[in-house]
Amino acid sequence: MRWSFAYSNERLSCLYTDKISLEQLKDVKENWVSAHVEFVHDNAKTIQFNIPNGFKYKLYGDYFFNANDKKSHIFSFGFDARHYQKVFKNIIWANRVSGAWSFGAQKILYFLGGVDTWLNPKYDYNIPISPNVNYGLQAPVTNLRGLPQNIRNGNNYLLLNSELRVPIFSLIAKKPLKSAFLQDFQLVGFFDAGLAYNLANPFNKDNSLSKEVVNDPIRQPIVVTVNYYRNPFVFGAGAGVRTNILGYFVRVDAAWGHNGLEFAKKPMWHISLSKDF
């Protein structure tokens, strides 16, 4: 069992550039308090760097409150389960299932897509954020390779990751390797899938419904409102390499994503500095 408490003081200072901004804009102050509790079960053992074997999971809950806003209570519950199956020697098949749900006077906005510590991040500005949900905090949800950050968003999410990790040089070596580059060099094939949504049913059309208002300035008052339905379920697949370079574990992945309508014609590259799940 693990638990923690935290306090955060935040202040947004406005830049006054004219008389109007000086009179109308005010600094924003927030005092956040939070509590976190989780239950962790871990019987996984490390075979070598980024190559574990076994099973582990955690269940957790969070509470956030902004003392400057009485209607700012945020609750969230989540889970993260990981299983690492040895296939042959130090080749493993790694699987993870995770999810979280937030509720209360305010909610957490989860952004689905991308990878941790992405050095060349991409963001999808075409996916709208629901104006009917009062969000108080936000958090990224990774890994979903082949798709940009914010490919889907909402106050709930589910995520699946599955990958085969092959440490090629340490697999064929007859004696321990002295080079960290060769010892930690790994080939990876992966599949990621996930969804983010707001309502109880993730496939409710109101979850992914966005409206675009087209107003022709020449032919007014003609105004056209177009509704788009976006499937909340997206996924991606691809391959990559990992190794240790100058003390940094570097990951390079190429993935083809499916945005709910079609596969990408070109791969999306993800370069990051972190271990896999």
Foldseek 3Di string as FASTA:
>chain_A
DDKDKDKDKDKADDDDDDPVCVVPPDIDIWIKIKMKDKDKDDPWADPDVLQIAAKIKMKMKMWMDTPVDPQRIKIKIKMKIKHWHDDDDRKIKIKMKMKMAMDGSAAEKEKEEDAPQFPDADDDPVQDDDPVGHHDHYDYDDDFFQDGTRLDMERIKIKMKIKIKDLDQVVPDPDDDPDQQSRFKIKMWMKMKMFHFYDPDRQDQVGRWDWDWDCDPVDPPDIDIDIDGFRRMKMKIWMWIWTADPNWIKIWIWIWIDSRPDIDPGTDITIRTDRDD
